[in-house]
Amino acid sequence: MLMYLGKAEPVLNDNSKAIHSVSINYPWPSIIRLSRYIRVPYKKVVLTRKNVLRRDGYKCSYCGRGDLTLTIDHIVPKARGGIDSWDNLISACTKCNNKKGDRTPE
């Protein structure tokens, strides 16, 4: 449809397939190129507990276990000037989070 409307052109055709109409056969395009650029808006991933857990694969970043209840831990604790950012938040099981306390991982 896009090629029919002049909004796209074929780059590579699949010669084993065709689009049939009453009067003509069109080669089946494998790759098409749009005539003009269509901007896709960039969506920033929101910093949420769910997204941090998803990023870390629903596993504790310290012990690697995934079968425990997970919390969100600040690598640099808020008490020591840590902020809520993607670089400073990781998933941790309750045991590892309590063991670390307000210390840095070192």
PDB file of N, CA and C in Angstrom:
ATOM      1  N   MET A   1       0.818  -1.188   0.000  1.00  0.00           N
ATOM      2  CA  MET A   1       0.000   0.000   0.000  1.00  0.00           C
ATOM      3  C   MET A   1       0.867   1.260   0.000  1.00  0.00           C
ATOM      4  N   LEU A   2       1.941   1.258   0.816  1.00  0.00           N
ATOM      5  CA  LEU A   2       2.828   2.420   0.854  1.00  0.00           C
ATOM      6  C   LEU A   2       3.499   2.650  -0.496  1.00  0.00           C
ATOM      7  N   MET A   3       3.863   1.558  -1.176  1.00  0.00           N
ATOM      8  CA  MET A   3       4.498   1.704  -2.493  1.00  0.00           C
ATOM      9  C   MET A   3       3.476   2.191  -3.514  1.00  0.00           C
ATOM     10  N   TYR A   4       2.262   1.720  -3.424  1.00  0.00           N
ATOM     11  CA  TYR A   4       1.202   2.139  -4.337  1.00  0.00           C
ATOM     12  C   TYR A   4       0.932   3.639  -4.193  1.00  0.00           C
ATOM     13  N   LEU A   5       0.998   4.135  -2.947  1.00  0.00           N
ATOM     14  CA  LEU A   5       0.760   5.554  -2.693  1.00  0.00           C
ATOM     15  C   LEU A   5       1.991   6.417  -2.959  1.00  0.00           C
ATOM     16  N   GLY A   6       3.118   5.792  -3.297  1.00  0.00           N
ATOM     17  CA  GLY A   6       4.340   6.534  -3.578  1.00  0.00           C
ATOM     18  C   GLY A   6       5.085   6.968  -2.328  1.00  0.00           C
ATOM     19  N   LYS A   7       4.769   6.367  -1.183  1.00  0.00           N
ATOM     20  CA  LYS A   7       5.424   6.731   0.072  1.00  0.00           C
ATOM     21  C   LYS A   7       6.610   5.834   0.392  1.00  0.00           C
ATOM     22  N   ALA A   8       6.812   4.783  -0.404  1.00  0.00           N
ATOM     23  CA  ALA A   8       7.937   3.871  -0.190  1.00  0.00           C
ATOM     24  C   ALA A   8       8.342   3.281  -1.527  1.00  0.00           C
ATOM     25  N   GLU A   9       9.578   2.779  -1.572  1.00  0.00           N
ATOM     26  CA  GLU A   9      10.071   2.119  -2.781  1.00  0.00           C
ATOM     27  C   GLU A   9      10.778   0.828  -2.380  1.00  0.00           C
ATOM     28  N   PRO A  10      10.717  -0.193  -3.225  1.00  0.00           N
ATOM     29  CA  PRO A  10      11.374  -1.454  -2.870  1.00  0.00           C
ATOM     30  C   PRO A  10      12.891  -1.338  -2.988  1.00  0.00           C
ATOM     31  N   VAL A  11      13.598  -1.940  -2.046  1.00  0.00           N
ATOM     32  CA  VAL A  11      15.056  -1.989  -2.091  1.00  0.00           C
ATOM     33  C   VAL A  11      15.492  -3.364  -2.571  1.00  0.00           C
ATOM     34  N   LEU A  12      14.816  -4.397  -2.079  1.00  0.00           N
ATOM     35  CA  LEU A  12      15.138  -5.773  -2.435  1.00  0.00           C
ATOM     36  C   LEU A  12      13.837  -6.543  -2.578  1.00  0.00           C
ATOM     37  N   ASN A  13      13.695  -7.273  -3.689  1.00  0.00           N
ATOM     38  CA  ASN A  13      12.483  -8.051  -3.939  1.00  0.00           C
ATOM     39  C   ASN A  13      12.733  -9.532  -3.718  1.00  0.00           C
ATOM     40  N   ASP A  14      11.708 -10.225  -3.239  1.00  0.00           N
ATOM     41  CA  ASP A  14      11.736 -11.680  -3.099  1.00  0.00           C
ATOM     42  C   ASP A  14      11.125 -12.242  -4.382  1.00  0.00           C
ATOM     43  N   ASN A  15      11.957 -12.779  -5.259  1.00  0.00           N
ATOM     44  CA  ASN A  15      11.493 -13.224  -6.575  1.00  0.00           C
ATOM     45  C   ASN A  15      10.613 -14.464  -6.520  1.00  0.00           C
ATOM     46  N   SER A  16      10.570 -15.148  -5.376  1.00  0.00           N
ATOM     47  CA  SER A  16       9.741 -16.351  -5.285  1.00  0.00           C
ATOM     48  C   SER A  16       8.287 -16.025  -4.955  1.00  0.00           C
ATOM     49  N   LYS A  17       7.998 -14.769  -4.607  1.00  0.00           N
ATOM     50  CA  LYS A  17       6.635 -14.370  -4.258  1.00  0.00           C
ATOM     51  C   LYS A  17       6.228 -13.170  -5.094  1.00  0.00           C
ATOM     52  N   ALA A  18       4.911 -13.002  -5.229  1.00  0.00           N
ATOM     53  CA  ALA A  18       4.394 -11.857  -5.967  1.00  0.00           C
ATOM     54  C   ALA A  18       3.037 -11.463  -5.403  1.00  0.00           C
ATOM     55  N   ILE A  19       2.684 -10.200  -5.623  1.00  0.00           N
ATOM     56  CA  ILE A  19       1.362  -9.692  -5.258  1.00  0.00           C
ATOM     57  C   ILE A  19       0.575  -9.624  -6.555  1.00  0.00           C
ATOM     58  N   HIS A  20      -0.542 -10.334  -6.592  1.00  0.00           N
ATOM     59  CA  HIS A  20      -1.320 -10.450  -7.824  1.00  0.00           C
ATOM     60  C   HIS A  20      -2.516  -9.508  -7.788  1.00  0.00           C
ATOM     61  N   SER A  21      -2.739  -8.824  -8.906  1.00  0.00           N
ATOM     62  CA  SER A  21      -3.961  -8.040  -9.088  1.00  0.00           C
ATOM     63  C   SER A  21      -4.623  -8.525 -10.370  1.00  0.00           C
ATOM     64  N   VAL A  22      -5.700  -7.911 -10.728  1.00  0.00           N
ATOM     65  CA  VAL A  22      -6.436  -8.337 -11.915  1.00  0.00           C
ATOM     66  C   VAL A  22      -5.604  -8.133 -13.177  1.00  0.00           C
ATOM     67  N   SER A  23      -4.885  -7.013 -13.249  1.00  0.00           N
ATOM     68  CA  SER A  23      -4.183  -6.696 -14.486  1.00  0.00           C
ATOM     69  C   SER A  23      -2.663  -6.847 -14.436  1.00  0.00           C
ATOM     70  N   ILE A  24      -2.077  -6.910 -13.251  1.00  0.00           N
ATOM     71  CA  ILE A  24      -0.614  -6.923 -13.179  1.00  0.00           C
ATOM     72  C   ILE A  24      -0.149  -7.686 -11.932  1.00  0.00           C
ATOM     73  N   ASN A  25       1.068  -8.196 -12.016  1.00  0.00           N
ATOM     74  CA  ASN A  25       1.709  -8.845 -10.870  1.00  0.00           C
ATOM     75  C   ASN A  25       2.861  -7.958 -10.397  1.00  0.00           C
ATOM     76  N   TYR A  26       2.887  -7.689  -9.088  1.00  0.00           N
ATOM     77  CA  TYR A  26       3.959  -6.897  -8.488  1.00  0.00           C
ATOM     78  C   TYR A  26       4.910  -7.834  -7.757  1.00  0.00           C
ATOM     79  N   PRO A  27       6.220  -7.620  -7.869  1.00  0.00           N
ATOM     80  CA  PRO A  27       7.150  -8.445  -7.091  1.00  0.00           C
ATOM     81  C   PRO A  27       6.980  -8.164  -5.594  1.00  0.00           C
ATOM     82  N   TRP A  28       7.154  -9.210  -4.785  1.00  0.00           N
ATOM     83  CA  TRP A  28       7.011  -9.097  -3.331  1.00  0.00           C
ATOM     84  C   TRP A  28       8.280  -8.446  -2.761  1.00  0.00           C
ATOM     85  N   PRO A  29       8.143  -7.273  -2.119  1.00  0.00           N
ATOM     86  CA  PRO A  29       9.346  -6.627  -1.585  1.00  0.00           C
ATOM     87  C   PRO A  29       9.796  -7.267  -0.266  1.00  0.00           C
ATOM     88  N   SER A  30      11.078  -7.559  -0.160  1.00  0.00           N
ATOM     89  CA  SER A  30      11.647  -8.049   1.099  1.00  0.00           C
ATOM     90  C   SER A  30      12.018  -6.880   1.993  1.00  0.00           C
ATOM     91  N   ILE A  31      12.526  -5.816   1.375  1.00  0.00           N
ATOM     92  CA  ILE A  31      12.927  -4.613   2.100  1.00  0.00           C
ATOM     93  C   ILE A  31      12.377  -3.414   1.351  1.00  0.00           C
ATOM     94  N   ILE A  32      11.771  -2.484   2.104  1.00  0.00           N
ATOM     95  CA  ILE A  32      11.308  -1.243   1.486  1.00  0.00           C
ATOM     96  C   ILE A  32      11.980  -0.061   2.174  1.00  0.00           C
ATOM     97  N   ARG A  33      12.082   1.049   1.446  1.00  0.00           N
ATOM     98  CA  ARG A  33      12.656   2.284   1.986  1.00  0.00           C
ATOM     99  C   ARG A  33      11.568   3.353   1.912  1.00  0.00           C
ATOM    100  N   LEU A  34      11.321   4.010   3.053  1.00  0.00           N
ATOM    101  CA  LEU A  34      10.335   5.082   3.080  1.00  0.00           C
ATOM    102  C   LEU A  34      10.873   6.292   2.340  1.00  0.00           C
ATOM    103  N   SER A  35       9.996   7.027   1.663  1.00  0.00           N
ATOM    104  CA  SER A  35      10.405   8.194   0.890  1.00  0.00           C
ATOM    105  C   SER A  35      10.839   9.349   1.780  1.00  0.00           C
ATOM    106  N   ARG A  36      10.279   9.435   2.976  1.00  0.00           N
ATOM    107  CA  ARG A  36      10.693  10.489   3.900  1.00  0.00           C
ATOM    108  C   ARG A  36      10.815   9.913   5.301  1.00  0.00           C
ATOM    109  N   TYR A  37      11.620  10.563   6.121  1.00  0.00           N
ATOM    110  CA  TYR A  37      11.912  10.104   7.473  1.00  0.00           C
ATOM    111  C   TYR A  37      10.706  10.330   8.377  1.00  0.00           C
ATOM    112  N   ILE A  38      10.371   9.328   9.148  1.00  0.00           N
ATOM    113  CA  ILE A  38       9.301   9.441  10.132  1.00  0.00           C
ATOM    114  C   ILE A  38       9.954   9.410  11.507  1.00  0.00           C
ATOM    115  N   ARG A  39       9.821  10.489  12.242  1.00  0.00           N
ATOM    116  CA  ARG A  39      10.453  10.599  13.559  1.00  0.00           C
ATOM    117  C   ARG A  39       9.646   9.806  14.582  1.00  0.00           C
ATOM    118  N   VAL A  40      10.335   8.919  15.276  1.00  0.00           N
ATOM    119  CA  VAL A  40       9.720   8.150  16.350  1.00  0.00           C
ATOM    120  C   VAL A  40      10.124   8.814  17.659  1.00  0.00           C
ATOM    121  N   PRO A  41       9.152   9.264  18.450  1.00  0.00           N
ATOM    122  CA  PRO A  41       9.515   9.958  19.686  1.00  0.00           C
ATOM    123  C   PRO A  41      10.230   9.036  20.669  1.00  0.00           C
ATOM    124  N   TYR A  42      11.266   9.564  21.299  1.00  0.00           N
ATOM    125  CA  TYR A  42      12.049   8.817  22.278  1.00  0.00           C
ATOM    126  C   TYR A  42      11.317   8.846  23.609  1.00  0.00           C
ATOM    127  N   LYS A  43      11.129   7.671  24.201  1.00  0.00           N
ATOM    128  CA  LYS A  43      10.489   7.588  25.505  1.00  0.00           C
ATOM    129  C   LYS A  43      11.540   7.229  26.537  1.00  0.00           C
ATOM    130  N   LYS A  44      11.717   8.092  27.505  1.00  0.00           N
ATOM    131  CA  LYS A  44      12.674   7.846  28.574  1.00  0.00           C
ATOM    132  C   LYS A  44      12.070   6.820  29.538  1.00  0.00           C
ATOM    133  N   VAL A  45      12.869   5.848  29.947  1.00  0.00           N
ATOM    134  CA  VAL A  45      12.409   4.839  30.896  1.00  0.00           C
ATOM    135  C   VAL A  45      12.389   5.473  32.280  1.00  0.00           C
ATOM    136  N   VAL A  46      11.239   5.405  32.935  1.00  0.00           N
ATOM    137  CA  VAL A  46      11.054   6.028  34.234  1.00  0.00           C
ATOM    138  C   VAL A  46      11.736   5.192  35.314  1.00  0.00           C
ATOM    139  N   LEU A  47      12.383   5.863  36.244  1.00  0.00           N
ATOM    140  CA  LEU A  47      13.056   5.195  37.356  1.00  0.00           C
ATOM    141  C   LEU A  47      12.011   4.793  38.395  1.00  0.00           C
ATOM    142  N   THR A  48      11.644   3.503  38.374  1.00  0.00           N
ATOM    143  CA  THR A  48      10.701   2.957  39.341  1.00  0.00           C
ATOM    144  C   THR A  48      11.274   1.669  39.910  1.00  0.00           C
ATOM    145  N   ARG A  49      10.702   1.222  41.012  1.00  0.00           N
ATOM    146  CA  ARG A  49      11.136  -0.025  41.643  1.00  0.00           C
ATOM    147  C   ARG A  49      11.021  -1.184  40.659  1.00  0.00           C
ATOM    148  N   LYS A  50       9.896  -1.239  39.965  1.00  0.00           N
ATOM    149  CA  LYS A  50       9.650  -2.321  39.008  1.00  0.00           C
ATOM    150  C   LYS A  50      10.695  -2.324  37.894  1.00  0.00           C
ATOM    151  N   ASN A  51      11.051  -1.142  37.393  1.00  0.00           N
ATOM    152  CA  ASN A  51      12.031  -1.064  36.308  1.00  0.00           C
ATOM    153  C   ASN A  51      13.440  -1.413  36.779  1.00  0.00           C
ATOM    154  N   VAL A  52      13.787  -1.085  38.030  1.00  0.00           N
ATOM    155  CA  VAL A  52      15.098  -1.478  38.572  1.00  0.00           C
ATOM    156  C   VAL A  52      15.154  -2.993  38.703  1.00  0.00           C
ATOM    157  N   LEU A  53      14.087  -3.603  39.223  1.00  0.00           N
ATOM    158  CA  LEU A  53      14.045  -5.062  39.355  1.00  0.00           C
ATOM    159  C   LEU A  53      14.111  -5.730  37.985  1.00  0.00           C
ATOM    160  N   ARG A  54      13.407  -5.175  37.019  1.00  0.00           N
ATOM    161  CA  ARG A  54      13.419  -5.726  35.657  1.00  0.00           C
ATOM    162  C   ARG A  54      14.820  -5.638  35.059  1.00  0.00           C
ATOM    163  N   ARG A  55      15.484  -4.498  35.239  1.00  0.00           N
ATOM    164  CA  ARG A  55      16.851  -4.317  34.724  1.00  0.00           C
ATOM    165  C   ARG A  55      17.806  -5.347  35.309  1.00  0.00           C
ATOM    166  N   ASP A  56      17.656  -5.645  36.609  1.00  0.00           N
ATOM    167  CA  ASP A  56      18.553  -6.573  37.297  1.00  0.00           C
ATOM    168  C   ASP A  56      18.106  -8.025  37.190  1.00  0.00           C
ATOM    169  N   GLY A  57      17.082  -8.291  36.392  1.00  0.00           N
ATOM    170  CA  GLY A  57      16.648  -9.664  36.155  1.00  0.00           C
ATOM    171  C   GLY A  57      15.972 -10.315  37.351  1.00  0.00           C
ATOM    172  N   TYR A  58      15.375  -9.506  38.212  1.00  0.00           N
ATOM    173  CA  TYR A  58      14.663  -9.998  39.402  1.00  0.00           C
ATOM    174  C   TYR A  58      15.552 -10.889  40.259  1.00  0.00           C
ATOM    175  N   LYS A  59      16.842 -10.516  40.374  1.00  0.00           N
ATOM    176  CA  LYS A  59      17.801 -11.251  41.203  1.00  0.00           C
ATOM    177  C   LYS A  59      18.536 -10.267  42.099  1.00  0.00           C
ATOM    178  N   CYS A  60      18.978 -10.753  43.244  1.00  0.00           N
ATOM    179  CA  CYS A  60      19.781  -9.947  44.160  1.00  0.00           C
ATOM    180  C   CYS A  60      21.127  -9.660  43.492  1.00  0.00           C
ATOM    181  N   SER A  61      21.525  -8.407  43.473  1.00  0.00           N
ATOM    182  CA  SER A  61      22.790  -8.025  42.838  1.00  0.00           C
ATOM    183  C   SER A  61      24.004  -8.440  43.656  1.00  0.00           C
ATOM    184  N   TYR A  62      23.818  -8.781  44.917  1.00  0.00           N
ATOM    185  CA  TYR A  62      24.932  -9.190  45.773  1.00  0.00           C
ATOM    186  C   TYR A  62      25.123 -10.705  45.770  1.00  0.00           C
ATOM    187  N   CYS A  63      24.052 -11.463  46.041  1.00  0.00           N
ATOM    188  CA  CYS A  63      24.210 -12.921  46.146  1.00  0.00           C
ATOM    189  C   CYS A  63      23.712 -13.658  44.903  1.00  0.00           C
ATOM    190  N   GLY A  64      22.969 -12.982  44.015  1.00  0.00           N
ATOM    191  CA  GLY A  64      22.526 -13.587  42.770  1.00  0.00           C
ATOM    192  C   GLY A  64      21.272 -14.429  42.864  1.00  0.00           C
ATOM    193  N   ARG A  65      20.691 -14.531  44.047  1.00  0.00           N
ATOM    194  CA  ARG A  65      19.488 -15.356  44.196  1.00  0.00           C
ATOM    195  C   ARG A  65      18.258 -14.586  43.734  1.00  0.00           C
ATOM    196  N   GLY A  66      17.330 -15.302  43.126  1.00  0.00           N
ATOM    197  CA  GLY A  66      16.113 -14.679  42.638  1.00  0.00           C
ATOM    198  C   GLY A  66      14.865 -15.207  43.309  1.00  0.00           C
ATOM    199  N   ASP A  67      15.035 -16.131  44.241  1.00  0.00           N
ATOM    200  CA  ASP A  67      13.878 -16.759  44.879  1.00  0.00           C
ATOM    201  C   ASP A  67      13.498 -16.083  46.193  1.00  0.00           C
ATOM    202  N   LEU A  68      14.048 -14.909  46.464  1.00  0.00           N
ATOM    203  CA  LEU A  68      13.793 -14.204  47.715  1.00  0.00           C
ATOM    204  C   LEU A  68      13.011 -12.925  47.452  1.00  0.00           C
ATOM    205  N   THR A  69      12.462 -12.343  48.513  1.00  0.00           N
ATOM    206  CA  THR A  69      11.806 -11.052  48.392  1.00  0.00           C
ATOM    207  C   THR A  69      12.880  -9.991  48.183  1.00  0.00           C
ATOM    208  N   LEU A  70      12.727  -9.204  47.139  1.00  0.00           N
ATOM    209  CA  LEU A  70      13.751  -8.224  46.778  1.00  0.00           C
ATOM    210  C   LEU A  70      13.370  -6.819  47.226  1.00  0.00           C
ATOM    211  N   THR A  71      14.384  -6.058  47.588  1.00  0.00           N
ATOM    212  CA  THR A  71      14.233  -4.650  47.925  1.00  0.00           C
ATOM    213  C   THR A  71      15.133  -3.853  46.991  1.00  0.00           C
ATOM    214  N   ILE A  72      15.020  -2.539  47.072  1.00  0.00           N
ATOM    215  CA  ILE A  72      15.883  -1.665  46.285  1.00  0.00           C
ATOM    216  C   ILE A  72      16.926  -1.072  47.226  1.00  0.00           C
ATOM    217  N   ASP A  73      18.201  -1.171  46.845  1.00  0.00           N
ATOM    218  CA  ASP A  73      19.298  -0.710  47.687  1.00  0.00           C
ATOM    219  C   ASP A  73      20.045   0.419  46.993  1.00  0.00           C
ATOM    220  N   HIS A  74      20.458   1.408  47.769  1.00  0.00           N
ATOM    221  CA  HIS A  74      21.322   2.477  47.269  1.00  0.00           C
ATOM    222  C   HIS A  74      22.770   2.016  47.414  1.00  0.00           C
ATOM    223  N   ILE A  75      23.525   2.007  46.334  1.00  0.00           N
ATOM    224  CA  ILE A  75      24.937   1.615  46.393  1.00  0.00           C
ATOM    225  C   ILE A  75      25.680   2.582  47.314  1.00  0.00           C
ATOM    226  N   VAL A  76      25.557   3.876  47.032  1.00  0.00           N
ATOM    227  CA  VAL A  76      26.035   4.900  47.965  1.00  0.00           C
ATOM    228  C   VAL A  76      24.806   5.299  48.772  1.00  0.00           C
ATOM    229  N   PRO A  77      24.772   4.969  50.064  1.00  0.00           N
ATOM    230  CA  PRO A  77      23.570   5.202  50.870  1.00  0.00           C
ATOM    231  C   PRO A  77      23.137   6.667  50.877  1.00  0.00           C
ATOM    232  N   LYS A  78      21.828   6.877  51.004  1.00  0.00           N
ATOM    233  CA  LYS A  78      21.304   8.242  51.061  1.00  0.00           C
ATOM    234  C   LYS A  78      21.896   8.993  52.243  1.00  0.00           C
ATOM    235  N   ALA A  79      22.196   8.268  53.334  1.00  0.00           N
ATOM    236  CA  ALA A  79      22.791   8.895  54.515  1.00  0.00           C
ATOM    237  C   ALA A  79      24.189   9.439  54.223  1.00  0.00           C
ATOM    238  N   ARG A  80      24.815   8.937  53.161  1.00  0.00           N
ATOM    239  CA  ARG A  80      26.161   9.402  52.786  1.00  0.00           C
ATOM    240  C   ARG A  80      26.140  10.206  51.488  1.00  0.00           C
ATOM    241  N   GLY A  81      24.975  10.738  51.146  1.00  0.00           N
ATOM    242  CA  GLY A  81      24.869  11.615  49.981  1.00  0.00           C
ATOM    243  C   GLY A  81      24.460  10.929  48.695  1.00  0.00           C
ATOM    244  N   GLY A  82      24.060   9.661  48.760  1.00  0.00           N
ATOM    245  CA  GLY A  82      23.617   8.954  47.561  1.00  0.00           C
ATOM    246  C   GLY A  82      22.291   9.494  47.057  1.00  0.00           C
ATOM    247  N   ILE A  83      22.086   9.398  45.765  1.00  0.00           N
ATOM    248  CA  ILE A  83      20.854   9.912  45.157  1.00  0.00           C
ATOM    249  C   ILE A  83      20.078   8.774  44.509  1.00  0.00           C
ATOM    250  N   ASP A  84      18.825   9.063  44.177  1.00  0.00           N
ATOM    251  CA  ASP A  84      18.004   8.103  43.445  1.00  0.00           C
ATOM    252  C   ASP A  84      18.327   8.242  41.961  1.00  0.00           C
ATOM    253  N   SER A  85      19.151   7.347  41.436  1.00  0.00           N
ATOM    254  CA  SER A  85      19.502   7.362  40.019  1.00  0.00           C
ATOM    255  C   SER A  85      19.721   5.927  39.558  1.00  0.00           C
ATOM    256  N   TRP A  86      19.701   5.723  38.251  1.00  0.00           N
ATOM    257  CA  TRP A  86      19.909   4.387  37.688  1.00  0.00           C
ATOM    258  C   TRP A  86      21.268   3.827  38.099  1.00  0.00           C
ATOM    259  N   ASP A  87      22.265   4.691  38.232  1.00  0.00           N
ATOM    260  CA  ASP A  87      23.615   4.239  38.574  1.00  0.00           C
ATOM    261  C   ASP A  87      23.774   3.902  40.053  1.00  0.00           C
ATOM    262  N   ASN A  88      22.858   4.375  40.897  1.00  0.00           N
ATOM    263  CA  ASN A  88      23.020   4.198  42.338  1.00  0.00           C
ATOM    264  C   ASN A  88      22.014   3.218  42.941  1.00  0.00           C
ATOM    265  N   LEU A  89      21.068   2.718  42.172  1.00  0.00           N
ATOM    266  CA  LEU A  89      20.056   1.801  42.698  1.00  0.00           C
ATOM    267  C   LEU A  89      20.246   0.403  42.126  1.00  0.00           C
ATOM    268  N   ILE A  90      20.160  -0.602  42.986  1.00  0.00           N
ATOM    269  CA  ILE A  90      20.227  -2.000  42.557  1.00  0.00           C
ATOM    270  C   ILE A  90      19.228  -2.810  43.365  1.00  0.00           C
ATOM    271  N   SER A  91      18.901  -3.986  42.854  1.00  0.00           N
ATOM    272  CA  SER A  91      18.019  -4.885  43.596  1.00  0.00           C
ATOM    273  C   SER A  91      18.857  -5.699  44.573  1.00  0.00           C
ATOM    274  N   ALA A  92      18.290  -5.933  45.755  1.00  0.00           N
ATOM    275  CA  ALA A  92      18.990  -6.707  46.781  1.00  0.00           C
ATOM    276  C   ALA A  92      17.959  -7.443  47.620  1.00  0.00           C
ATOM    277  N   CYS A  93      18.313  -8.651  48.041  1.00  0.00           N
ATOM    278  CA  CYS A  93      17.424  -9.369  48.952  1.00  0.00           C
ATOM    279  C   CYS A  93      17.504  -8.685  50.317  1.00  0.00           C
ATOM    280  N   THR A  94      16.510  -8.929  51.147  1.00  0.00           N
ATOM    281  CA  THR A  94      16.450  -8.276  52.455  1.00  0.00           C
ATOM    282  C   THR A  94      17.692  -8.582  53.286  1.00  0.00           C
ATOM    283  N   LYS A  95      18.157  -9.829  53.254  1.00  0.00           N
ATOM    284  CA  LYS A  95      19.326 -10.232  54.039  1.00  0.00           C
ATOM    285  C   LYS A  95      20.566  -9.435  53.620  1.00  0.00           C
ATOM    286  N   CYS A  96      20.836  -9.370  52.315  1.00  0.00           N
ATOM    287  CA  CYS A  96      22.020  -8.642  51.830  1.00  0.00           C
ATOM    288  C   CYS A  96      21.893  -7.139  52.072  1.00  0.00           C
ATOM    289  N   ASN A  97      20.691  -6.599  51.898  1.00  0.00           N
ATOM    290  CA  ASN A  97      20.476  -5.171  52.103  1.00  0.00           C
ATOM    291  C   ASN A  97      20.708  -4.808  53.569  1.00  0.00           C
ATOM    292  N   ASN A  98      20.205  -5.615  54.494  1.00  0.00           N
ATOM    293  CA  ASN A  98      20.404  -5.351  55.919  1.00  0.00           C
ATOM    294  C   ASN A  98      21.862  -5.535  56.320  1.00  0.00           C
ATOM    295  N   LYS A  99      22.536  -6.513  55.714  1.00  0.00           N
ATOM    296  CA  LYS A  99      23.949  -6.761  56.017  1.00  0.00           C
ATOM    297  C   LYS A  99      24.811  -5.574  55.574  1.00  0.00           C
ATOM    298  N   LYS A 100      24.487  -5.012  54.414  1.00  0.00           N
ATOM    299  CA  LYS A 100      25.249  -3.876  53.895  1.00  0.00           C
ATOM    300  C   LYS A 100      24.987  -2.632  54.734  1.00  0.00           C
ATOM    301  N   GLY A 101      23.750  -2.423  55.146  1.00  0.00           N
ATOM    302  CA  GLY A 101      23.405  -1.267  55.978  1.00  0.00           C
ATOM    303  C   GLY A 101      23.679   0.043  55.277  1.00  0.00           C
ATOM    304  N   ASP A 102      24.304   0.991  55.994  1.00  0.00           N
ATOM    305  CA  ASP A 102      24.585   2.301  55.397  1.00  0.00           C
ATOM    306  C   ASP A 102      26.045   2.427  54.967  1.00  0.00           C
ATOM    307  N   ARG A 103      26.658   1.284  54.655  1.00  0.00           N
ATOM    308  CA  ARG A 103      28.039   1.285  54.164  1.00  0.00           C
ATOM    309  C   ARG A 103      28.039   1.199  52.637  1.00  0.00           C
ATOM    310  N   THR A 104      29.170   1.518  52.040  1.00  0.00           N
ATOM    311  CA  THR A 104      29.343   1.302  50.604  1.00  0.00           C
ATOM    312  C   THR A 104      29.807  -0.137  50.415  1.00  0.00           C
ATOM    313  N   PRO A 105      29.672  -0.713  49.222  1.00  0.00           N
ATOM    314  CA  PRO A 105      30.021  -2.127  49.018  1.00  0.00           C
ATOM    315  C   PRO A 105      31.464  -2.484  49.356  1.00  0.00           C
ATOM    316  N   GLU A 106      32.402  -1.546  49.319  1.00  0.00           N
ATOM    317  CA  GLU A 106      33.799  -1.854  49.630  1.00  0.00           C
ATOM    318  C   GLU A 106      33.846  -2.190  51.048  1.00  0.00           C
TER     319      GLU A 106
END
